[in-house]
C-alpha cells in the first residue's frame, strides 16, 4: 500500500493540473487579505482562517476536491492502470484505500498551504484572532475533517462510476444539492420565534412590540434541521466559514445555539467510514476492463 501511495503521489507531482490548483490555492489567501484590508470593515483573522474550509454557501473546497479526484483517477479506468494493478495481485481494497488516502493528503496539503500563507500574510494585515484558542483549534480540526469527508465522498463517486463525464456530473449534483439543502435547513433554523413590529398602545402612541411568529417551526423541526446542517459536509463548511451570517435580520450563527464542534467531528468521521466501506464493496464488484 505504501508503494501504491508513493506511486500515486509521484504521478500527481508530475501533473500540470495539480500544480495549477496549488498556485491558485496559494494566491487565494493573498488576494483575500489584500482586498479585505482595503475595505471599510475588513474581515477578522478568524474569518479569513475559516475561508479555508468554505465560502459560506459555496463549498469551494468540495468543488476543488471533486475536480482533482476526477482528473487524477478517472484516467486509470480508460488507460488500463487499474486492470494492471489487479492483474499483478493488488487487492481492490488496497487500491481504493490508497486512492482515498491520496485525496486526503492532497486536500489537507492544500489546506496547509492556505494556513501557512495566512499566518505569514493574513494575520499581519488583519490582526490577531478574536476567538479563543479552543475555538480556533476546533475550527481547524472540524475543517480538516470536512475536507477528508469530501475526499471520501468524491473517491466513492469516481471509483464506482467508471465514466469520467458521469462522475463529474454526479459530483456536481452532490455538491449542489448538499449546498441547497444546507441553505434551506439553515433558513428553517434561523426563523425567529418572535417578531418585532409597530403597534399602537392604549394612548394612541406608536411603539415597538414583540409578538409570536406564527410561521416559526417547532423546536423538534429546528432540531432536525440543525442535525442535517451539522451532518452534511456542505452544512459544516457553511457554519465554519460564516459565523456572522445573517438571514434577513440580525442573527448570527452563534445565537442559534453555537457551533456543535464535537458533533460535527463525529459526523465527518462517520461519513468517511460509511462512504469508504460502501465504496470498497461496490469497487470489488465492478467489472474492470
Protein backbone atom coordinates (compact mmCIF):
# COMPACT_ATOMS: atom_id res chain seq x y z
CA UNK A 1 0.00 0.00 0.00
CA UNK A 2 2.91 2.35 0.74
CA UNK A 3 4.36 1.68 -2.71
CA UNK A 4 0.98 2.40 -4.29
CA UNK A 5 0.67 5.63 -2.34
CA UNK A 6 4.18 6.66 -3.31
CA UNK A 7 3.42 5.92 -6.96
CA UNK A 8 0.20 7.97 -6.80
CA UNK A 9 1.94 10.95 -5.24
CA UNK A 10 4.80 10.74 -7.74
CA UNK A 11 2.35 10.68 -10.65
CA UNK A 12 0.40 13.60 -9.20
CA UNK A 13 3.58 15.61 -8.68
CA UNK A 14 4.10 15.45 -12.45
CA UNK A 15 0.57 16.68 -13.19
CA UNK A 16 0.38 20.22 -14.55
CA UNK A 17 -3.26 20.45 -13.49
CA UNK A 18 -2.34 19.71 -9.88
CA UNK A 19 0.28 22.45 -9.78
CA UNK A 20 -2.18 24.92 -11.29
CA UNK A 21 -4.50 24.21 -8.36
CA UNK A 22 -1.59 24.62 -5.94
CA UNK A 23 -0.78 28.01 -7.48
CA UNK A 24 -4.42 29.13 -7.29
CA UNK A 25 -4.71 27.98 -3.69
CA UNK A 26 -1.54 29.90 -2.85
CA UNK A 27 -2.95 33.09 -4.37
CA UNK A 28 -6.37 32.61 -2.73
CA UNK A 29 -5.49 33.87 0.80
CA UNK A 30 -3.20 36.57 -0.58
CA UNK A 31 -5.96 38.06 -2.72
CA UNK A 32 -8.48 37.88 0.13
CA UNK A 33 -6.10 39.61 2.56
CA UNK A 34 -5.20 42.39 0.13
CA UNK A 35 -8.82 43.06 -0.79
CA UNK A 36 -10.17 42.96 2.75
CA UNK A 37 -7.51 45.24 4.22
CA UNK A 38 -8.77 48.00 1.92
CA UNK A 39 -12.46 47.62 2.82
CA UNK A 40 -14.30 49.76 5.33
CA UNK A 41 -14.81 46.83 7.67
CA UNK A 42 -12.12 44.24 6.91
CA UNK A 43 -12.78 40.68 7.99
CA UNK A 44 -11.07 39.36 11.10
CA UNK A 45 -8.25 36.83 11.11
CA UNK A 46 -10.79 34.30 12.44
CA UNK A 47 -12.99 34.79 9.39
CA UNK A 48 -10.08 34.60 6.97
CA UNK A 49 -8.89 31.35 8.52
CA UNK A 50 -12.41 29.95 8.24
CA UNK A 51 -12.44 30.63 4.47
CA UNK A 52 -10.00 27.74 4.21
CA UNK A 53 -12.98 25.43 4.69
CA UNK A 54 -15.63 27.07 2.52
CA UNK A 55 -17.02 30.34 1.25
CA UNK A 56 -20.33 30.43 3.10
CA UNK A 57 -22.88 28.52 1.00
CA UNK A 58 -20.41 27.86 -1.84
CA UNK A 59 -18.39 24.76 -0.86
CA UNK A 60 -15.39 25.77 -2.99
CA UNK A 61 -13.09 23.22 -1.40
CA UNK A 62 -15.55 20.44 -2.24
CA UNK A 63 -15.54 21.55 -5.87
CA UNK A 64 -11.73 21.57 -5.98
CA UNK A 65 -11.53 18.10 -4.43
CA UNK A 66 -14.13 16.77 -6.88
CA UNK A 67 -12.24 18.15 -9.89
CA UNK A 68 -8.87 16.86 -8.70
CA UNK A 69 -10.24 13.43 -7.85
CA UNK A 70 -11.89 13.10 -11.25
CA UNK A 71 -8.86 14.35 -13.16
CA UNK A 72 -6.36 12.21 -11.28
CA UNK A 73 -8.18 8.87 -11.07
CA UNK A 74 -10.74 8.67 -13.90
CA UNK A 75 -8.00 8.03 -16.42
CA UNK A 76 -6.99 4.87 -14.54
CA UNK A 77 -10.11 3.12 -15.91
CA UNK A 78 -9.54 4.06 -19.55
CA UNK A 79 -5.77 3.52 -19.79
CA UNK A 80 -5.82 0.11 -18.11
CA UNK A 81 -3.90 1.15 -14.99
CA UNK A 82 -6.47 -0.31 -12.60
CA UNK A 83 -6.69 -3.57 -14.56
CA UNK A 84 -2.91 -3.96 -14.48
CA UNK A 85 -2.83 -3.36 -10.72
CA UNK A 86 -5.41 -6.11 -10.20
CA UNK A 87 -3.60 -8.48 -12.57
CA UNK A 88 -0.33 -8.23 -10.63
CA UNK A 89 -2.16 -9.26 -7.45
CA UNK A 90 -3.02 -6.00 -5.71
CA UNK A 91 -6.29 -6.20 -3.80
CA UNK A 92 -9.06 -3.83 -4.75
CA UNK A 93 -9.39 -2.74 -1.14
CA UNK A 94 -5.77 -1.56 -1.12
CA UNK A 95 -6.24 0.23 -4.45
CA UNK A 96 -9.35 2.01 -3.22
CA UNK A 97 -7.90 2.96 0.16
CA UNK A 98 -4.69 4.18 -1.47
CA UNK A 99 -6.62 6.49 -3.77
CA UNK A 100 -8.69 7.71 -0.82
CA UNK A 101 -5.56 8.37 1.25
CA UNK A 102 -4.03 10.17 -1.75
CA UNK A 103 -7.01 12.51 -1.97
CA UNK A 104 -6.94 13.14 1.78
CA UNK A 105 -3.24 14.02 1.62
CA UNK A 106 -3.84 16.38 -1.32
CA UNK A 107 -6.83 18.12 0.29
CA UNK A 108 -5.07 18.56 3.62
CA UNK A 109 -1.91 19.63 1.81
CA UNK A 110 -3.77 22.44 0.06
CA UNK A 111 -5.28 23.41 3.40
CA UNK A 112 -1.82 23.57 4.99
CA UNK A 113 -0.63 25.82 2.15
CA UNK A 114 -3.52 28.18 2.86
CA UNK A 115 -2.76 28.20 6.61
CA UNK A 116 0.95 28.91 6.03
CA UNK A 117 0.18 31.81 3.70
CA UNK A 118 -2.47 33.04 6.12
CA UNK A 119 -0.12 33.12 9.11
CA UNK A 120 2.61 34.73 7.02
CA UNK A 121 0.44 37.40 5.39
CA UNK A 122 -3.15 37.37 6.63
CA UNK A 123 -2.57 37.86 10.33
CA UNK A 124 -0.06 40.73 9.94
CA UNK A 125 -2.62 42.55 7.78
CA UNK A 126 -5.83 41.74 9.67
CA UNK A 127 -4.59 41.45 13.24
CA UNK A 128 -4.82 38.80 15.94
CA UNK A 129 -7.60 36.29 16.49
CA UNK A 130 -10.67 37.48 18.35
CA UNK A 131 -11.89 33.97 19.23
CA UNK A 132 -10.49 31.74 21.95
CA UNK A 133 -7.67 29.29 21.28
CA UNK A 134 -10.04 26.33 21.72
CA UNK A 135 -12.42 27.77 19.10
CA UNK A 136 -9.59 28.19 16.60
CA UNK A 137 -8.34 24.65 17.26
CA UNK A 138 -11.83 23.19 16.82
CA UNK A 139 -12.26 25.17 13.61
CA UNK A 140 -9.08 23.65 12.18
CA UNK A 141 -9.97 20.14 13.38
CA UNK A 142 -13.55 20.24 12.06
CA UNK A 143 -12.47 21.95 8.86
CA UNK A 144 -9.82 19.31 8.19
CA UNK A 145 -12.38 16.54 8.79
CA UNK A 146 -14.77 18.24 6.36
CA UNK A 147 -12.05 18.16 3.69
CA UNK A 148 -11.46 14.49 4.46
CA UNK A 149 -15.21 13.80 4.21
CA UNK A 150 -15.34 15.49 0.81
CA UNK A 151 -12.33 13.40 -0.25
CA UNK A 152 -14.12 10.21 0.84
CA UNK A 153 -17.33 11.14 -0.99
CA UNK A 154 -15.57 12.09 -4.23
CA UNK A 155 -13.40 8.98 -4.12
CA UNK A 156 -16.57 6.89 -3.77
CA UNK A 157 -18.11 8.56 -6.82
CA UNK A 158 -15.03 8.31 -9.04
CA UNK A 159 -14.05 4.76 -8.07
CA UNK A 160 -17.56 3.36 -8.52
CA UNK A 161 -18.54 5.32 -11.63
CA UNK A 162 -16.16 4.43 -14.43
CA UNK A 163 -17.41 7.11 -16.82
CA UNK A 164 -15.48 10.40 -16.29
CA UNK A 165 -18.30 12.63 -17.53
CA UNK A 166 -20.88 10.82 -15.41
CA UNK A 167 -18.68 11.06 -12.30
CA UNK A 168 -18.24 14.81 -12.81
CA UNK A 169 -22.00 15.27 -13.23
CA UNK A 170 -22.76 13.20 -10.13
CA UNK A 171 -20.12 15.07 -8.11
CA UNK A 172 -21.57 18.41 -9.21
CA UNK A 173 -25.09 17.27 -8.29
CA UNK A 174 -23.97 16.02 -4.87
CA UNK A 175 -22.21 19.29 -4.08
CA UNK A 176 -25.05 21.47 -5.42
CA UNK A 177 -27.85 19.54 -3.71
CA UNK A 178 -25.88 19.44 -0.47
CA UNK A 179 -25.36 23.21 -0.56
CA UNK A 180 -29.02 23.89 -1.35
CA UNK A 181 -30.23 21.53 1.36
CA UNK A 182 -27.88 23.13 3.89
CA UNK A 183 -29.16 26.57 2.93
CA UNK A 184 -32.78 25.50 3.35
CA UNK A 185 -32.13 23.75 6.67
CA UNK A 186 -30.33 26.81 8.00
CA UNK A 187 -33.17 29.03 6.82
CA UNK A 188 -35.63 26.96 8.89
CA UNK A 189 -33.35 27.09 11.93
CA UNK A 190 -32.98 30.86 11.66
CA UNK A 191 -36.71 31.68 11.62
CA UNK A 192 -37.32 33.67 14.85
CA UNK A 193 -39.94 32.58 17.33
CA UNK A 194 -41.00 36.19 17.90
CA UNK A 195 -41.06 39.18 15.57
CA UNK A 196 -40.84 42.86 16.35
CA UNK A 197 -43.46 45.13 14.82
CA UNK A 198 -45.00 48.57 15.27
CA UNK A 199 -48.27 48.89 17.18
CA UNK A 200 -50.37 51.49 18.95
CA UNK A 201 -50.86 51.37 22.70
CA UNK A 202 -53.97 52.46 24.61
CA UNK A 203 -52.84 56.08 24.49
CA UNK A 204 -52.51 56.10 20.71
CA UNK A 205 -48.71 56.06 20.81
CA UNK A 206 -46.77 54.04 18.26
CA UNK A 207 -44.44 51.60 19.97
CA UNK A 208 -42.38 48.55 19.11
CA UNK A 209 -43.83 45.27 20.39
CA UNK A 210 -42.84 41.63 20.11
CA UNK A 211 -45.43 39.10 19.05
CA UNK A 212 -45.20 35.31 18.49
CA UNK A 213 -44.23 34.35 14.95
CA UNK A 214 -46.98 32.12 13.55
CA UNK A 215 -44.63 30.85 10.84
CA UNK A 216 -41.96 29.69 13.28
CA UNK A 217 -41.32 25.93 13.16
CA UNK A 218 -41.46 23.78 16.27
CA UNK A 219 -38.36 23.06 18.33
CA UNK A 220 -38.39 19.46 17.06
CA UNK A 221 -38.29 20.65 13.44
CA UNK A 222 -35.50 23.09 14.23
CA UNK A 223 -33.52 20.35 15.99
CA UNK A 224 -33.87 18.06 12.97
CA UNK A 225 -32.82 20.82 10.56
CA UNK A 226 -29.82 21.64 12.73
CA UNK A 227 -28.87 17.95 12.77
CA UNK A 228 -28.95 17.82 8.95
CA UNK A 229 -26.87 21.01 8.74
CA UNK A 230 -24.33 19.56 11.18
CA UNK A 231 -24.27 16.24 9.33
CA UNK A 232 -23.70 17.41 5.76
CA UNK A 233 -20.15 18.46 4.79
CA UNK A 234 -21.67 21.44 2.96
CA UNK A 235 -23.56 22.42 6.13
CA UNK A 236 -20.43 22.14 8.22
CA UNK A 237 -18.47 24.11 5.65
CA UNK A 238 -21.10 26.84 5.75
CA UNK A 239 -21.15 27.03 9.55
CA UNK A 240 -17.37 27.14 9.82
CA UNK A 241 -16.94 29.80 7.14
CA UNK A 242 -19.80 32.14 8.06
CA UNK A 243 -20.24 32.53 11.84
CA UNK A 244 -21.54 36.06 11.31
CA UNK A 245 -24.02 35.12 8.58
CA UNK A 246 -27.35 36.98 8.69
CA UNK A 247 -30.64 35.76 7.32
CA UNK A 248 -32.60 38.92 6.70
CA UNK A 249 -32.39 40.02 10.32
CA UNK A 250 -29.67 40.41 12.91
CA UNK A 251 -28.99 36.88 14.00
CA UNK A 252 -25.56 35.35 13.68
CA UNK A 253 -24.70 31.66 13.81
CA UNK A 254 -23.78 31.66 17.48
CA UNK A 255 -27.23 32.94 18.53
CA UNK A 256 -28.62 29.67 17.16
CA UNK A 257 -27.01 27.66 19.90
CA UNK A 258 -23.36 27.87 18.81
CA UNK A 259 -21.41 25.53 16.61
CA UNK A 260 -21.60 21.84 17.57
CA UNK A 261 -17.90 21.20 17.14
CA UNK A 262 -17.50 17.69 18.53
CA UNK A 263 -20.77 16.51 16.99
CA UNK A 264 -19.67 17.73 13.56
CA UNK A 265 -16.34 15.94 14.01
CA UNK A 266 -18.12 12.67 14.78
CA UNK A 267 -20.45 13.10 11.78
CA UNK A 268 -17.48 13.67 9.45
CA UNK A 269 -15.73 10.57 10.79
CA UNK A 270 -18.96 8.62 10.28
CA UNK A 271 -19.25 9.83 6.68
CA UNK A 272 -15.62 8.92 5.98
CA UNK A 273 -16.13 5.43 7.39
CA UNK A 274 -19.51 4.80 5.73
CA UNK A 275 -18.56 6.06 2.25
CA UNK A 276 -15.26 4.16 2.36
CA UNK A 277 -16.99 0.91 3.32
CA UNK A 278 -19.66 1.31 0.65
CA UNK A 279 -17.09 2.34 -1.94
CA UNK A 280 -14.89 -0.70 -1.30
CA UNK A 281 -17.86 -3.10 -1.52
CA UNK A 282 -19.02 -1.64 -4.85
CA UNK A 283 -15.49 -1.35 -6.27
CA UNK A 284 -14.84 -5.03 -5.52
CA UNK A 285 -17.84 -6.00 -7.68
CA UNK A 286 -17.05 -3.61 -10.55
CA UNK A 287 -16.04 -5.15 -13.84
CA UNK A 288 -12.71 -3.50 -14.64
CA UNK A 289 -11.89 -3.85 -18.32
